[in-house]
Amino acid sequence: MKAATMSLRRRAQGLYVAAAAAALTGLGAALVLLGPHALVLAKAAGVGGKEHDLSSGTDFKDLIKVANHLTDAAMIPTIAIAPLAAVAGAFALMMGGGGRQGSGGVKLIGGAIGAVVVVAGAKGLAY
């Protein structure tokens, strides 16, 4: 019985490694193909055009403006995902995932709240 369990565990681990390798390969390929066209970050930072030209000077105000735009772009998805992570953590707690093994209920809730606090702190520093 124990040998069968170990065999199944090894198979599952092998499948997990294969799936993770395929996902990382796909992500790497997407980054290589879309790398030159990654204008999303520049657009989120407000860079581009005549009124947003950062090369016009080395003013500290321009740096603050870029940080403000980037933290706005980071705050929106973080605040959108955090309640879903907190609900998932609550569900894990209801299913018994907060015990001594620490399978993740409290960690999910704490991580969701912590992510919002970190991004909000960065937003406060950007002002």
C-alpha atoms as a PDB file:
ATOM      1  CA  MET A   1       0.000   0.000   0.000  1.00  0.00           C
ATOM      2  CA  LYS A   2       2.785   2.392   0.928  1.00  0.00           C
ATOM      3  CA  ALA A   3       4.696   1.611  -2.281  1.00  0.00           C
ATOM      4  CA  ALA A   4       1.595   2.361  -4.375  1.00  0.00           C
ATOM      5  CA  THR A   5       1.120   5.681  -2.609  1.00  0.00           C
ATOM      6  CA  MET A   6       4.749   6.623  -3.171  1.00  0.00           C
ATOM      7  CA  SER A   7       4.464   5.667  -6.841  1.00  0.00           C
ATOM      8  CA  LEU A   8       1.372   7.824  -7.288  1.00  0.00           C
ATOM      9  CA  ARG A   9       3.075  10.695  -5.470  1.00  0.00           C
ATOM     10  CA  ARG A  10       6.092  10.474  -7.782  1.00  0.00           C
ATOM     11  CA  ARG A  11       3.851  10.440 -10.859  1.00  0.00           C
ATOM     12  CA  ALA A  12       1.915  13.456  -9.623  1.00  0.00           C
ATOM     13  CA  GLN A  13       5.137  15.296  -8.857  1.00  0.00           C
ATOM     14  CA  GLY A  14       6.465  14.491 -12.321  1.00  0.00           C
ATOM     15  CA  LEU A  15       3.287  15.816 -13.932  1.00  0.00           C
ATOM     16  CA  TYR A  16       3.482  18.942 -11.793  1.00  0.00           C
ATOM     17  CA  VAL A  17       7.089  19.566 -12.829  1.00  0.00           C
ATOM     18  CA  ALA A  18       6.209  19.044 -16.500  1.00  0.00           C
ATOM     19  CA  ALA A  19       3.249  21.436 -16.290  1.00  0.00           C
ATOM     20  CA  ALA A  20       5.320  24.067 -14.482  1.00  0.00           C
ATOM     21  CA  ALA A  21       8.108  23.769 -17.069  1.00  0.00           C
ATOM     22  CA  ALA A  22       5.603  24.139 -19.913  1.00  0.00           C
ATOM     23  CA  ALA A  23       4.043  27.189 -18.276  1.00  0.00           C
ATOM     24  CA  LEU A  24       7.423  28.824 -17.698  1.00  0.00           C
ATOM     25  CA  THR A  25       8.472  28.081 -21.261  1.00  0.00           C
ATOM     26  CA  GLY A  26       5.277  29.661 -22.564  1.00  0.00           C
ATOM     27  CA  LEU A  27       5.772  32.702 -20.358  1.00  0.00           C
ATOM     28  CA  GLY A  28       9.367  33.040 -21.514  1.00  0.00           C
ATOM     29  CA  ALA A  29       8.311  32.796 -25.153  1.00  0.00           C
ATOM     30  CA  ALA A  30       5.633  35.434 -24.634  1.00  0.00           C
ATOM     31  CA  LEU A  31       8.125  37.768 -22.982  1.00  0.00           C
ATOM     32  CA  VAL A  32      10.613  37.290 -25.812  1.00  0.00           C
ATOM     33  CA  LEU A  33       7.981  37.886 -28.479  1.00  0.00           C
ATOM     34  CA  LEU A  34       6.284  40.841 -26.774  1.00  0.00           C
ATOM     35  CA  GLY A  35       9.345  42.393 -25.132  1.00  0.00           C
ATOM     36  CA  PRO A  36       9.980  45.114 -27.733  1.00  0.00           C
ATOM     37  CA  HIS A  37       6.311  46.055 -27.734  1.00  0.00           C
ATOM     38  CA  ALA A  38       5.866  46.409 -23.969  1.00  0.00           C
ATOM     39  CA  LEU A  39       4.475  49.934 -24.008  1.00  0.00           C
ATOM     40  CA  VAL A  40       2.045  49.248 -21.191  1.00  0.00           C
ATOM     41  CA  LEU A  41       4.547  50.300 -18.547  1.00  0.00           C
ATOM     42  CA  ALA A  42       5.424  53.486 -20.396  1.00  0.00           C
ATOM     43  CA  LYS A  43       1.753  54.301 -20.868  1.00  0.00           C
ATOM     44  CA  ALA A  44       1.016  53.621 -17.203  1.00  0.00           C
ATOM     45  CA  ALA A  45       3.896  55.906 -16.245  1.00  0.00           C
ATOM     46  CA  GLY A  46       2.519  58.664 -18.439  1.00  0.00           C
ATOM     47  CA  VAL A  47       5.629  58.715 -20.594  1.00  0.00           C
ATOM     48  CA  GLY A  48       5.311  59.770 -24.194  1.00  0.00           C
ATOM     49  CA  GLY A  49       3.999  62.689 -26.127  1.00  0.00           C
ATOM     50  CA  LYS A  50       5.117  66.295 -25.876  1.00  0.00           C
ATOM     51  CA  GLU A  51       3.497  67.115 -22.523  1.00  0.00           C
ATOM     52  CA  HIS A  52       4.839  63.971 -20.818  1.00  0.00           C
ATOM     53  CA  ASP A  53       8.393  64.139 -22.160  1.00  0.00           C
ATOM     54  CA  LEU A  54      10.688  63.188 -19.279  1.00  0.00           C
ATOM     55  CA  SER A  55      13.872  63.903 -21.204  1.00  0.00           C
ATOM     56  CA  SER A  56      13.159  67.645 -21.094  1.00  0.00           C
ATOM     57  CA  GLY A  57      14.695  67.971 -17.633  1.00  0.00           C
ATOM     58  CA  THR A  58      15.789  66.104 -14.560  1.00  0.00           C
ATOM     59  CA  ASP A  59      13.214  67.646 -12.328  1.00  0.00           C
ATOM     60  CA  PHE A  60      12.213  65.765  -9.208  1.00  0.00           C
ATOM     61  CA  LYS A  61       8.591  66.579 -10.038  1.00  0.00           C
ATOM     62  CA  ASP A  62       8.808  64.384 -13.136  1.00  0.00           C
ATOM     63  CA  LEU A  63      10.067  61.474 -11.047  1.00  0.00           C
ATOM     64  CA  ILE A  64       7.211  61.933  -8.581  1.00  0.00           C
ATOM     65  CA  LYS A  65       4.719  62.070 -11.456  1.00  0.00           C
ATOM     66  CA  VAL A  66       6.018  58.789 -12.902  1.00  0.00           C
ATOM     67  CA  ALA A  67       5.911  57.115  -9.463  1.00  0.00           C
ATOM     68  CA  ASN A  68       2.353  58.346  -8.976  1.00  0.00           C
ATOM     69  CA  HIS A  69       1.215  56.949 -12.325  1.00  0.00           C
ATOM     70  CA  LEU A  70       2.924  53.598 -11.697  1.00  0.00           C
ATOM     71  CA  THR A  71       1.426  53.193  -8.233  1.00  0.00           C
ATOM     72  CA  ASP A  72      -2.010  54.012  -9.656  1.00  0.00           C
ATOM     73  CA  ALA A  73      -1.497  51.243 -12.212  1.00  0.00           C
ATOM     74  CA  ALA A  74      -0.386  48.816  -9.473  1.00  0.00           C
ATOM     75  CA  MET A  75      -3.095  49.746  -6.981  1.00  0.00           C
ATOM     76  CA  ILE A  76      -6.099  49.040  -9.222  1.00  0.00           C
ATOM     77  CA  PRO A  77      -5.469  45.299  -9.814  1.00  0.00           C
ATOM     78  CA  THR A  78      -4.195  44.801  -6.271  1.00  0.00           C
ATOM     79  CA  ILE A  79      -7.352  46.221  -4.750  1.00  0.00           C
ATOM     80  CA  ALA A  80      -9.449  44.249  -7.244  1.00  0.00           C
ATOM     81  CA  ILE A  81      -7.814  40.905  -6.374  1.00  0.00           C
ATOM     82  CA  ALA A  82      -7.415  41.378  -2.591  1.00  0.00           C
ATOM     83  CA  PRO A  83     -11.090  40.748  -1.681  1.00  0.00           C
ATOM     84  CA  LEU A  84     -11.084  37.564  -3.778  1.00  0.00           C
ATOM     85  CA  ALA A  85      -7.966  36.342  -1.964  1.00  0.00           C
ATOM     86  CA  ALA A  86      -9.528  37.172   1.399  1.00  0.00           C
ATOM     87  CA  VAL A  87     -12.667  35.220   0.475  1.00  0.00           C
ATOM     88  CA  ALA A  88     -10.509  32.287  -0.654  1.00  0.00           C
ATOM     89  CA  GLY A  89      -8.685  32.442   2.684  1.00  0.00           C
ATOM     90  CA  ALA A  90     -11.972  32.464   4.563  1.00  0.00           C
ATOM     91  CA  PHE A  91     -13.138  29.445   2.552  1.00  0.00           C
ATOM     92  CA  ALA A  92      -9.877  27.647   3.345  1.00  0.00           C
ATOM     93  CA  LEU A  93     -10.422  28.383   7.040  1.00  0.00           C
ATOM     94  CA  MET A  94     -13.948  26.983   6.854  1.00  0.00           C
ATOM     95  CA  MET A  95     -12.619  23.812   5.261  1.00  0.00           C
ATOM     96  CA  GLY A  96     -10.084  23.412   8.037  1.00  0.00           C
ATOM     97  CA  GLY A  97      -7.094  25.051   6.410  1.00  0.00           C
ATOM     98  CA  GLY A  98      -5.941  27.129   9.320  1.00  0.00           C
ATOM     99  CA  GLY A  99      -4.763  24.482  11.703  1.00  0.00           C
ATOM    100  CA  ARG A 100      -1.366  23.505  12.872  1.00  0.00           C
ATOM    101  CA  GLN A 101      -0.159  22.559   9.410  1.00  0.00           C
ATOM    102  CA  GLY A 102      -0.782  26.132   8.300  1.00  0.00           C
ATOM    103  CA  SER A 103      -2.136  25.147   4.921  1.00  0.00           C
ATOM    104  CA  GLY A 104      -2.977  28.688   4.061  1.00  0.00           C
ATOM    105  CA  GLY A 105      -6.267  30.189   5.181  1.00  0.00           C
ATOM    106  CA  VAL A 106      -4.757  32.796   7.460  1.00  0.00           C
ATOM    107  CA  LYS A 107      -1.801  33.220   5.112  1.00  0.00           C
ATOM    108  CA  LEU A 108      -4.131  34.065   2.221  1.00  0.00           C
ATOM    109  CA  ILE A 109      -6.025  36.637   4.238  1.00  0.00           C
ATOM    110  CA  GLY A 110      -2.842  38.161   5.627  1.00  0.00           C
ATOM    111  CA  GLY A 111      -1.219  38.228   2.207  1.00  0.00           C
ATOM    112  CA  ALA A 112      -4.214  39.990   0.671  1.00  0.00           C
ATOM    113  CA  ILE A 113      -4.265  42.643   3.375  1.00  0.00           C
ATOM    114  CA  GLY A 114      -0.485  42.970   3.294  1.00  0.00           C
ATOM    115  CA  ALA A 115      -0.411  43.500  -0.472  1.00  0.00           C
ATOM    116  CA  VAL A 116      -2.934  46.310  -0.236  1.00  0.00           C
ATOM    117  CA  VAL A 117      -0.998  47.924   2.633  1.00  0.00           C
ATOM    118  CA  VAL A 118       2.302  47.745   0.717  1.00  0.00           C
ATOM    119  CA  VAL A 119       0.845  49.242  -2.464  1.00  0.00           C
ATOM    120  CA  ALA A 120      -1.018  51.923  -0.511  1.00  0.00           C
ATOM    121  CA  GLY A 121       2.200  52.736   1.339  1.00  0.00           C
ATOM    122  CA  ALA A 122       4.047  53.089  -1.956  1.00  0.00           C
ATOM    123  CA  LYS A 123       1.235  55.295  -3.191  1.00  0.00           C
ATOM    124  CA  GLY A 124       1.592  57.476  -0.116  1.00  0.00           C
ATOM    125  CA  LEU A 125       5.346  57.745  -0.680  1.00  0.00           C
ATOM    126  CA  ALA A 126       4.731  58.781  -4.287  1.00  0.00           C
ATOM    127  CA  TYR A 127       3.009  61.973  -3.188  1.00  0.00           C
END
